[in-house]
Amino acid sequence: MAAAVSFDLERAWRVDPRVPMRPEPFGALLYHFGTRRLSFLKNQTVLAVVRSLADHPSARAACLASGVAEAELPAYTRALAALADSKMISERMPT
């Protein structure tokens, strides 16, 4: 089994420019045109977090702004780590 990317909530992240998001009732579909991988976002909150990553100085700030409670952060960290591992999101330089 491949090792997951280490995900740091304190860093700035963004959706890869080659990844369009298609909202769905359950969350969203993401397709990476470079890697040809498909990912599913399983709820509207994780979709809100991913959509807002580029608008916040850190993934933690994006989570909190999207209504994620502190107690839920470990689950969202795992979800974001999986997206980073599949290259759907990547680190960006803070602005």
PDB file of N, CA and C in Angstrom:
ATOM      1  N   MET A   1       0.850  -1.184   0.000  1.00  0.00           N
ATOM      2  CA  MET A   1       0.000   0.000   0.000  1.00  0.00           C
ATOM      3  C   MET A   1       0.892   1.242   0.000  1.00  0.00           C
ATOM      4  N   ALA A   2       0.560   2.221  -0.813  1.00  0.00           N
ATOM      5  CA  ALA A   2       1.347   3.457  -0.922  1.00  0.00           C
ATOM      6  C   ALA A   2       1.154   4.317   0.320  1.00  0.00           C
ATOM      7  N   ALA A   3       2.196   5.001   0.708  1.00  0.00           N
ATOM      8  CA  ALA A   3       2.113   5.903   1.854  1.00  0.00           C
ATOM      9  C   ALA A   3       1.385   7.176   1.452  1.00  0.00           C
ATOM     10  N   ALA A   4       0.545   7.659   2.345  1.00  0.00           N
ATOM     11  CA  ALA A   4      -0.212   8.880   2.075  1.00  0.00           C
ATOM     12  C   ALA A   4       0.694  10.094   2.209  1.00  0.00           C
ATOM     13  N   VAL A   5       0.344  11.137   1.492  1.00  0.00           N
ATOM     14  CA  VAL A   5       1.046  12.412   1.600  1.00  0.00           C
ATOM     15  C   VAL A   5       0.811  12.957   3.004  1.00  0.00           C
ATOM     16  N   SER A   6       1.862  13.488   3.611  1.00  0.00           N
ATOM     17  CA  SER A   6       1.706  14.138   4.905  1.00  0.00           C
ATOM     18  C   SER A   6       0.941  15.435   4.661  1.00  0.00           C
ATOM     19  N   PHE A   7      -0.152  15.622   5.373  1.00  0.00           N
ATOM     20  CA  PHE A   7      -0.981  16.796   5.134  1.00  0.00           C
ATOM     21  C   PHE A   7      -0.889  17.743   6.312  1.00  0.00           C
ATOM     22  N   ASP A   8      -0.542  18.985   6.040  1.00  0.00           N
ATOM     23  CA  ASP A   8      -0.400  20.005   7.068  1.00  0.00           C
ATOM     24  C   ASP A   8      -1.541  21.009   6.930  1.00  0.00           C
ATOM     25  N   LEU A   9      -2.424  21.004   7.910  1.00  0.00           N
ATOM     26  CA  LEU A   9      -3.565  21.932   7.903  1.00  0.00           C
ATOM     27  C   LEU A   9      -3.141  23.395   7.957  1.00  0.00           C
ATOM     28  N   GLU A  10      -1.939  23.650   8.430  1.00  0.00           N
ATOM     29  CA  GLU A  10      -1.483  25.044   8.587  1.00  0.00           C
ATOM     30  C   GLU A  10      -0.925  25.625   7.295  1.00  0.00           C
ATOM     31  N   ARG A  11      -0.760  24.821   6.282  1.00  0.00           N
ATOM     32  CA  ARG A  11      -0.224  25.300   4.999  1.00  0.00           C
ATOM     33  C   ARG A  11      -1.358  25.717   4.060  1.00  0.00           C
ATOM     34  N   ALA A  12      -0.971  26.488   3.054  1.00  0.00           N
ATOM     35  CA  ALA A  12      -1.926  26.950   2.037  1.00  0.00           C
ATOM     36  C   ALA A  12      -2.028  25.887   0.937  1.00  0.00           C
ATOM     37  N   TRP A  13      -3.252  25.622   0.489  1.00  0.00           N
ATOM     38  CA  TRP A  13      -3.519  24.603  -0.532  1.00  0.00           C
ATOM     39  C   TRP A  13      -4.421  25.182  -1.603  1.00  0.00           C
ATOM     40  N   ARG A  14      -4.502  24.486  -2.728  1.00  0.00           N
ATOM     41  CA  ARG A  14      -5.392  24.882  -3.818  1.00  0.00           C
ATOM     42  C   ARG A  14      -5.783  23.634  -4.609  1.00  0.00           C
ATOM     43  N   VAL A  15      -6.857  23.752  -5.350  1.00  0.00           N
ATOM     44  CA  VAL A  15      -7.243  22.691  -6.281  1.00  0.00           C
ATOM     45  C   VAL A  15      -6.320  22.808  -7.492  1.00  0.00           C
ATOM     46  N   ASP A  16      -5.821  21.683  -7.962  1.00  0.00           N
ATOM     47  CA  ASP A  16      -4.962  21.695  -9.148  1.00  0.00           C
ATOM     48  C   ASP A  16      -5.735  22.308 -10.318  1.00  0.00           C
ATOM     49  N   PRO A  17      -5.105  23.158 -11.124  1.00  0.00           N
ATOM     50  CA  PRO A  17      -5.807  23.787 -12.241  1.00  0.00           C
ATOM     51  C   PRO A  17      -6.346  22.797 -13.277  1.00  0.00           C
ATOM     52  N   ARG A  18      -5.840  21.577 -13.276  1.00  0.00           N
ATOM     53  CA  ARG A  18      -6.322  20.565 -14.232  1.00  0.00           C
ATOM     54  C   ARG A  18      -7.471  19.743 -13.678  1.00  0.00           C
ATOM     55  N   VAL A  19      -8.066  20.212 -12.562  1.00  0.00           N
ATOM     56  CA  VAL A  19      -9.133  19.459 -11.898  1.00  0.00           C
ATOM     57  C   VAL A  19     -10.427  20.258 -11.883  1.00  0.00           C
ATOM     58  N   PRO A  20     -11.359  19.922 -12.774  1.00  0.00           N
ATOM     59  CA  PRO A  20     -12.682  20.528 -12.666  1.00  0.00           C
ATOM     60  C   PRO A  20     -13.511  19.789 -11.607  1.00  0.00           C
ATOM     61  N   MET A  21     -14.420  20.520 -10.987  1.00  0.00           N
ATOM     62  CA  MET A  21     -15.321  19.932  -9.996  1.00  0.00           C
ATOM     63  C   MET A  21     -16.736  19.968 -10.545  1.00  0.00           C
ATOM     64  N   ARG A  22     -17.426  18.844 -10.439  1.00  0.00           N
ATOM     65  CA  ARG A  22     -18.824  18.790 -10.846  1.00  0.00           C
ATOM     66  C   ARG A  22     -19.669  18.535  -9.604  1.00  0.00           C
ATOM     67  N   PRO A  23     -20.383  19.561  -9.132  1.00  0.00           N
ATOM     68  CA  PRO A  23     -21.237  19.375  -7.952  1.00  0.00           C
ATOM     69  C   PRO A  23     -22.310  18.322  -8.219  1.00  0.00           C
ATOM     70  N   GLU A  24     -22.587  17.544  -7.200  1.00  0.00           N
ATOM     71  CA  GLU A  24     -23.608  16.501  -7.227  1.00  0.00           C
ATOM     72  C   GLU A  24     -24.388  16.586  -5.923  1.00  0.00           C
ATOM     73  N   PRO A  25     -25.576  15.982  -5.861  1.00  0.00           N
ATOM     74  CA  PRO A  25     -26.346  16.022  -4.604  1.00  0.00           C
ATOM     75  C   PRO A  25     -25.578  15.469  -3.398  1.00  0.00           C
ATOM     76  N   PHE A  26     -24.700  14.492  -3.623  1.00  0.00           N
ATOM     77  CA  PHE A  26     -23.945  13.883  -2.529  1.00  0.00           C
ATOM     78  C   PHE A  26     -22.687  14.664  -2.178  1.00  0.00           C
ATOM     79  N   GLY A  27     -22.229  15.569  -3.027  1.00  0.00           N
ATOM     80  CA  GLY A  27     -20.989  16.316  -2.836  1.00  0.00           C
ATOM     81  C   GLY A  27     -20.460  16.784  -4.177  1.00  0.00           C
ATOM     82  N   ALA A  28     -19.495  16.035  -4.745  1.00  0.00           N
ATOM     83  CA  ALA A  28     -18.962  16.422  -6.052  1.00  0.00           C
ATOM     84  C   ALA A  28     -18.086  15.315  -6.630  1.00  0.00           C
ATOM     85  N   LEU A  29     -17.898  15.409  -7.937  1.00  0.00           N
ATOM     86  CA  LEU A  29     -16.936  14.587  -8.655  1.00  0.00           C
ATOM     87  C   LEU A  29     -15.785  15.481  -9.062  1.00  0.00           C
ATOM     88  N   LEU A  30     -14.562  14.978  -8.907  1.00  0.00           N
ATOM     89  CA  LEU A  30     -13.370  15.685  -9.350  1.00  0.00           C
ATOM     90  C   LEU A  30     -12.644  14.774 -10.321  1.00  0.00           C
ATOM     91  N   TYR A  31     -12.204  15.346 -11.429  1.00  0.00           N
ATOM     92  CA  TYR A  31     -11.448  14.564 -12.408  1.00  0.00           C
ATOM     93  C   TYR A  31     -10.154  15.294 -12.712  1.00  0.00           C
ATOM     94  N   HIS A  32      -9.041  14.607 -12.594  1.00  0.00           N
ATOM     95  CA  HIS A  32      -7.733  15.204 -12.878  1.00  0.00           C
ATOM     96  C   HIS A  32      -7.345  14.849 -14.308  1.00  0.00           C
ATOM     97  N   PHE A  33      -7.280  15.850 -15.176  1.00  0.00           N
ATOM     98  CA  PHE A  33      -6.971  15.601 -16.583  1.00  0.00           C
ATOM     99  C   PHE A  33      -5.523  15.184 -16.799  1.00  0.00           C
ATOM    100  N   GLY A  34      -4.635  15.473 -15.850  1.00  0.00           N
ATOM    101  CA  GLY A  34      -3.244  15.059 -15.975  1.00  0.00           C
ATOM    102  C   GLY A  34      -3.032  13.603 -15.590  1.00  0.00           C
ATOM    103  N   THR A  35      -3.625  13.203 -14.474  1.00  0.00           N
ATOM    104  CA  THR A  35      -3.430  11.838 -13.979  1.00  0.00           C
ATOM    105  C   THR A  35      -4.551  10.888 -14.391  1.00  0.00           C
ATOM    106  N   ARG A  36      -5.643  11.454 -14.897  1.00  0.00           N
ATOM    107  CA  ARG A  36      -6.840  10.698 -15.282  1.00  0.00           C
ATOM    108  C   ARG A  36      -7.483   9.968 -14.107  1.00  0.00           C
ATOM    109  N   ARG A  37      -7.372  10.583 -12.934  1.00  0.00           N
ATOM    110  CA  ARG A  37      -7.974   9.999 -11.736  1.00  0.00           C
ATOM    111  C   ARG A  37      -9.277  10.714 -11.424  1.00  0.00           C
ATOM    112  N   LEU A  38     -10.194   9.956 -10.857  1.00  0.00           N
ATOM    113  CA  LEU A  38     -11.500  10.463 -10.456  1.00  0.00           C
ATOM    114  C   LEU A  38     -11.595  10.378  -8.936  1.00  0.00           C
ATOM    115  N   SER A  39     -12.091  11.430  -8.309  1.00  0.00           N
ATOM    116  CA  SER A  39     -12.316  11.430  -6.866  1.00  0.00           C
ATOM    117  C   SER A  39     -13.736  11.879  -6.584  1.00  0.00           C
ATOM    118  N   PHE A  40     -14.261  11.391  -5.483  1.00  0.00           N
ATOM    119  CA  PHE A  40     -15.603  11.753  -5.037  1.00  0.00           C
ATOM    120  C   PHE A  40     -15.496  12.520  -3.726  1.00  0.00           C
ATOM    121  N   LEU A  41     -16.188  13.642  -3.653  1.00  0.00           N
ATOM    122  CA  LEU A  41     -16.335  14.355  -2.393  1.00  0.00           C
ATOM    123  C   LEU A  41     -17.683  13.924  -1.845  1.00  0.00           C
ATOM    124  N   LYS A  42     -17.687  13.397  -0.633  1.00  0.00           N
ATOM    125  CA  LYS A  42     -18.863  12.689  -0.124  1.00  0.00           C
ATOM    126  C   LYS A  42     -19.922  13.542   0.549  1.00  0.00           C
ATOM    127  N   ASN A  43     -19.668  14.843   0.701  1.00  0.00           N
ATOM    128  CA  ASN A  43     -20.709  15.704   1.268  1.00  0.00           C
ATOM    129  C   ASN A  43     -20.480  17.153   0.865  1.00  0.00           C
ATOM    130  N   GLN A  44     -21.469  17.964   1.126  1.00  0.00           N
ATOM    131  CA  GLN A  44     -21.416  19.366   0.718  1.00  0.00           C
ATOM    132  C   GLN A  44     -20.382  20.165   1.515  1.00  0.00           C
ATOM    133  N   THR A  45     -20.119  19.756   2.752  1.00  0.00           N
ATOM    134  CA  THR A  45     -19.143  20.490   3.554  1.00  0.00           C
ATOM    135  C   THR A  45     -17.733  20.304   3.015  1.00  0.00           C
ATOM    136  N   VAL A  46     -17.374  19.077   2.682  1.00  0.00           N
ATOM    137  CA  VAL A  46     -16.039  18.865   2.119  1.00  0.00           C
ATOM    138  C   VAL A  46     -15.913  19.585   0.777  1.00  0.00           C
ATOM    139  N   LEU A  47     -16.986  19.654   0.008  1.00  0.00           N
ATOM    140  CA  LEU A  47     -16.982  20.428  -1.239  1.00  0.00           C
ATOM    141  C   LEU A  47     -16.723  21.903  -0.933  1.00  0.00           C
ATOM    142  N   ALA A  48     -17.389  22.438   0.084  1.00  0.00           N
ATOM    143  CA  ALA A  48     -17.181  23.843   0.456  1.00  0.00           C
ATOM    144  C   ALA A  48     -15.733  24.083   0.878  1.00  0.00           C
ATOM    145  N   VAL A  49     -15.157  23.158   1.627  1.00  0.00           N
ATOM    146  CA  VAL A  49     -13.760  23.293   2.047  1.00  0.00           C
ATOM    147  C   VAL A  49     -12.849  23.321   0.831  1.00  0.00           C
ATOM    148  N   VAL A  50     -13.008  22.346  -0.055  1.00  0.00           N
ATOM    149  CA  VAL A  50     -12.132  22.246  -1.227  1.00  0.00           C
ATOM    150  C   VAL A  50     -12.282  23.476  -2.122  1.00  0.00           C
ATOM    151  N   ARG A  51     -13.514  23.905  -2.344  1.00  0.00           N
ATOM    152  CA  ARG A  51     -13.740  25.095  -3.176  1.00  0.00           C
ATOM    153  C   ARG A  51     -13.078  26.337  -2.590  1.00  0.00           C
ATOM    154  N   SER A  52     -12.997  26.411  -1.267  1.00  0.00           N
ATOM    155  CA  SER A  52     -12.504  27.639  -0.636  1.00  0.00           C
ATOM    156  C   SER A  52     -11.024  27.593  -0.275  1.00  0.00           C
ATOM    157  N   LEU A  53     -10.326  26.509  -0.570  1.00  0.00           N
ATOM    158  CA  LEU A  53      -8.916  26.405  -0.193  1.00  0.00           C
ATOM    159  C   LEU A  53      -8.093  27.603  -0.664  1.00  0.00           C
ATOM    160  N   ALA A  54      -8.273  28.016  -1.894  1.00  0.00           N
ATOM    161  CA  ALA A  54      -7.468  29.115  -2.453  1.00  0.00           C
ATOM    162  C   ALA A  54      -7.819  30.474  -1.830  1.00  0.00           C
ATOM    163  N   ASP A  55      -8.955  30.558  -1.145  1.00  0.00           N
ATOM    164  CA  ASP A  55      -9.398  31.820  -0.548  1.00  0.00           C
ATOM    165  C   ASP A  55      -8.902  32.024   0.877  1.00  0.00           C
ATOM    166  N   HIS A  56      -8.200  31.031   1.425  1.00  0.00           N
ATOM    167  CA  HIS A  56      -7.796  31.092   2.827  1.00  0.00           C
ATOM    168  C   HIS A  56      -6.299  30.856   2.967  1.00  0.00           C
ATOM    169  N   PRO A  57      -5.712  31.383   4.038  1.00  0.00           N
ATOM    170  CA  PRO A  57      -4.267  31.242   4.230  1.00  0.00           C
ATOM    171  C   PRO A  57      -3.832  29.830   4.623  1.00  0.00           C
ATOM    172  N   SER A  58      -4.781  28.992   5.020  1.00  0.00           N
ATOM    173  CA  SER A  58      -4.445  27.618   5.400  1.00  0.00           C
ATOM    174  C   SER A  58      -5.661  26.722   5.195  1.00  0.00           C
ATOM    175  N   ALA A  59      -5.393  25.429   5.161  1.00  0.00           N
ATOM    176  CA  ALA A  59      -6.493  24.466   5.056  1.00  0.00           C
ATOM    177  C   ALA A  59      -7.351  24.518   6.319  1.00  0.00           C
ATOM    178  N   ARG A  60      -6.722  24.740   7.474  1.00  0.00           N
ATOM    179  CA  ARG A  60      -7.498  24.861   8.712  1.00  0.00           C
ATOM    180  C   ARG A  60      -8.484  26.019   8.610  1.00  0.00           C
ATOM    181  N   ALA A  61      -8.038  27.156   8.106  1.00  0.00           N
ATOM    182  CA  ALA A  61      -8.918  28.326   7.960  1.00  0.00           C
ATOM    183  C   ALA A  61     -10.058  28.017   7.000  1.00  0.00           C
ATOM    184  N   ALA A  62      -9.775  27.297   5.916  1.00  0.00           N
ATOM    185  CA  ALA A  62     -10.831  26.919   4.966  1.00  0.00           C
ATOM    186  C   ALA A  62     -11.843  26.001   5.634  1.00  0.00           C
ATOM    187  N   CYS A  63     -11.354  25.064   6.431  1.00  0.00           N
ATOM    188  CA  CYS A  63     -12.255  24.152   7.146  1.00  0.00           C
ATOM    189  C   CYS A  63     -13.152  24.921   8.111  1.00  0.00           C
ATOM    190  N   LEU A  64     -12.553  25.746   8.939  1.00  0.00           N
ATOM    191  CA  LEU A  64     -13.320  26.489   9.940  1.00  0.00           C
ATOM    192  C   LEU A  64     -14.320  27.434   9.280  1.00  0.00           C
ATOM    193  N   ALA A  65     -13.918  28.087   8.187  1.00  0.00           N
ATOM    194  CA  ALA A  65     -14.833  28.996   7.475  1.00  0.00           C
ATOM    195  C   ALA A  65     -15.990  28.238   6.836  1.00  0.00           C
ATOM    196  N   SER A  66     -15.794  26.950   6.565  1.00  0.00           N
ATOM    197  CA  SER A  66     -16.843  26.131   5.942  1.00  0.00           C
ATOM    198  C   SER A  66     -17.721  25.435   6.977  1.00  0.00           C
ATOM    199  N   GLY A  67     -17.494  25.728   8.247  1.00  0.00           N
ATOM    200  CA  GLY A  67     -18.348  25.187   9.298  1.00  0.00           C
ATOM    201  C   GLY A  67     -17.876  23.878   9.908  1.00  0.00           C
ATOM    202  N   VAL A  68     -16.634  23.489   9.651  1.00  0.00           N
ATOM    203  CA  VAL A  68     -16.097  22.265  10.239  1.00  0.00           C
ATOM    204  C   VAL A  68     -15.723  22.560  11.696  1.00  0.00           C
ATOM    205  N   ALA A  69     -16.239  21.754  12.614  1.00  0.00           N
ATOM    206  CA  ALA A  69     -15.931  21.916  14.027  1.00  0.00           C
ATOM    207  C   ALA A  69     -14.532  21.366  14.326  1.00  0.00           C
ATOM    208  N   GLU A  70     -13.898  21.886  15.367  1.00  0.00           N
ATOM    209  CA  GLU A  70     -12.562  21.420  15.760  1.00  0.00           C
ATOM    210  C   GLU A  70     -12.532  19.900  15.910  1.00  0.00           C
ATOM    211  N   ALA A  71     -13.569  19.317  16.495  1.00  0.00           N
ATOM    212  CA  ALA A  71     -13.617  17.871  16.713  1.00  0.00           C
ATOM    213  C   ALA A  71     -13.673  17.087  15.403  1.00  0.00           C
ATOM    214  N   GLU A  72     -14.133  17.729  14.327  1.00  0.00           N
ATOM    215  CA  GLU A  72     -14.220  17.072  13.014  1.00  0.00           C
ATOM    216  C   GLU A  72     -12.952  17.213  12.180  1.00  0.00           C
ATOM    217  N   LEU A  73     -12.026  18.040  12.619  1.00  0.00           N
ATOM    218  CA  LEU A  73     -10.822  18.311  11.829  1.00  0.00           C
ATOM    219  C   LEU A  73     -10.013  17.059  11.475  1.00  0.00           C
ATOM    220  N   PRO A  74      -9.859  16.078  12.360  1.00  0.00           N
ATOM    221  CA  PRO A  74      -9.100  14.886  11.953  1.00  0.00           C
ATOM    222  C   PRO A  74      -9.695  14.175  10.734  1.00  0.00           C
ATOM    223  N   ALA A  75     -11.010  14.072  10.664  1.00  0.00           N
ATOM    224  CA  ALA A  75     -11.646  13.427   9.507  1.00  0.00           C
ATOM    225  C   ALA A  75     -11.431  14.244   8.242  1.00  0.00           C
ATOM    226  N   TYR A  76     -11.527  15.561   8.342  1.00  0.00           N
ATOM    227  CA  TYR A  76     -11.320  16.411   7.173  1.00  0.00           C
ATOM    228  C   TYR A  76      -9.850  16.438   6.770  1.00  0.00           C
ATOM    229  N   THR A  77      -8.964  16.334   7.742  1.00  0.00           N
ATOM    230  CA  THR A  77      -7.536  16.247   7.426  1.00  0.00           C
ATOM    231  C   THR A  77      -7.259  14.985   6.618  1.00  0.00           C
ATOM    232  N   ARG A  78      -7.852  13.857   7.016  1.00  0.00           N
ATOM    233  CA  ARG A  78      -7.672  12.609   6.255  1.00  0.00           C
ATOM    234  C   ARG A  78      -8.227  12.743   4.842  1.00  0.00           C
ATOM    235  N   ALA A  79      -9.386  13.387   4.696  1.00  0.00           N
ATOM    236  CA  ALA A  79      -9.978  13.567   3.363  1.00  0.00           C
ATOM    237  C   ALA A  79      -9.085  14.449   2.490  1.00  0.00           C
ATOM    238  N   LEU A  80      -8.581  15.533   3.057  1.00  0.00           N
ATOM    239  CA  LEU A  80      -7.705  16.427   2.297  1.00  0.00           C
ATOM    240  C   LEU A  80      -6.378  15.748   1.977  1.00  0.00           C
ATOM    241  N   ALA A  81      -5.875  14.925   2.888  1.00  0.00           N
ATOM    242  CA  ALA A  81      -4.641  14.176   2.621  1.00  0.00           C
ATOM    243  C   ALA A  81      -4.835  13.225   1.443  1.00  0.00           C
ATOM    244  N   ALA A  82      -6.001  12.582   1.367  1.00  0.00           N
ATOM    245  CA  ALA A  82      -6.279  11.689   0.235  1.00  0.00           C
ATOM    246  C   ALA A  82      -6.328  12.472  -1.071  1.00  0.00           C
ATOM    247  N   LEU A  83      -6.904  13.680  -1.040  1.00  0.00           N
ATOM    248  CA  LEU A  83      -6.943  14.517  -2.239  1.00  0.00           C
ATOM    249  C   LEU A  83      -5.544  14.981  -2.629  1.00  0.00           C
ATOM    250  N   ALA A  84      -4.708  15.273  -1.648  1.00  0.00           N
ATOM    251  CA  ALA A  84      -3.325  15.659  -1.945  1.00  0.00           C
ATOM    252  C   ALA A  84      -2.556  14.465  -2.513  1.00  0.00           C
ATOM    253  N   ASP A  85      -2.781  13.289  -1.949  1.00  0.00           N
ATOM    254  CA  ASP A  85      -2.109  12.076  -2.413  1.00  0.00           C
ATOM    255  C   ASP A  85      -2.464  11.775  -3.867  1.00  0.00           C
ATOM    256  N   SER A  86      -3.701  12.054  -4.251  1.00  0.00           N
ATOM    257  CA  SER A  86      -4.141  11.800  -5.629  1.00  0.00           C
ATOM    258  C   SER A  86      -3.896  12.994  -6.551  1.00  0.00           C
ATOM    259  N   LYS A  87      -3.216  14.026  -6.031  1.00  0.00           N
ATOM    260  CA  LYS A  87      -2.830  15.217  -6.802  1.00  0.00           C
ATOM    261  C   LYS A  87      -4.008  16.114  -7.194  1.00  0.00           C
ATOM    262  N   MET A  88      -5.164  15.920  -6.548  1.00  0.00           N
ATOM    263  CA  MET A  88      -6.315  16.783  -6.817  1.00  0.00           C
ATOM    264  C   MET A  88      -6.088  18.181  -6.241  1.00  0.00           C
ATOM    265  N   ILE A  89      -5.398  18.232  -5.096  1.00  0.00           N
ATOM    266  CA  ILE A  89      -5.031  19.514  -4.490  1.00  0.00           C
ATOM    267  C   ILE A  89      -3.522  19.520  -4.292  1.00  0.00           C
ATOM    268  N   SER A  90      -2.956  20.716  -4.240  1.00  0.00           N
ATOM    269  CA  SER A  90      -1.520  20.840  -4.020  1.00  0.00           C
ATOM    270  C   SER A  90      -1.246  22.070  -3.171  1.00  0.00           C
ATOM    271  N   GLU A  91      -0.071  22.061  -2.552  1.00  0.00           N
ATOM    272  CA  GLU A  91       0.331  23.206  -1.751  1.00  0.00           C
ATOM    273  C   GLU A  91       0.534  24.412  -2.644  1.00  0.00           C
ATOM    274  N   ARG A  92       0.264  25.586  -2.085  1.00  0.00           N
ATOM    275  CA  ARG A  92       0.518  26.834  -2.818  1.00  0.00           C
ATOM    276  C   ARG A  92       1.267  27.770  -1.897  1.00  0.00           C
ATOM    277  N   MET A  93       1.889  28.724  -2.515  1.00  0.00           N
ATOM    278  CA  MET A  93       2.588  29.739  -1.735  1.00  0.00           C
ATOM    279  C   MET A  93       1.549  30.669  -1.108  1.00  0.00           C
ATOM    280  N   PRO A  94       1.639  30.947   0.193  1.00  0.00           N
ATOM    281  CA  PRO A  94       0.673  31.860   0.803  1.00  0.00           C
ATOM    282  C   PRO A  94       0.787  33.255   0.205  1.00  0.00           C
ATOM    283  N   THR A  95      -0.336  33.942   0.157  1.00  0.00           N
ATOM    284  CA  THR A  95      -0.357  35.290  -0.418  1.00  0.00           C
ATOM    285  C   THR A  95      -0.326  36.343   0.654  1.00  0.00           C
TER     286      THR A  95
END
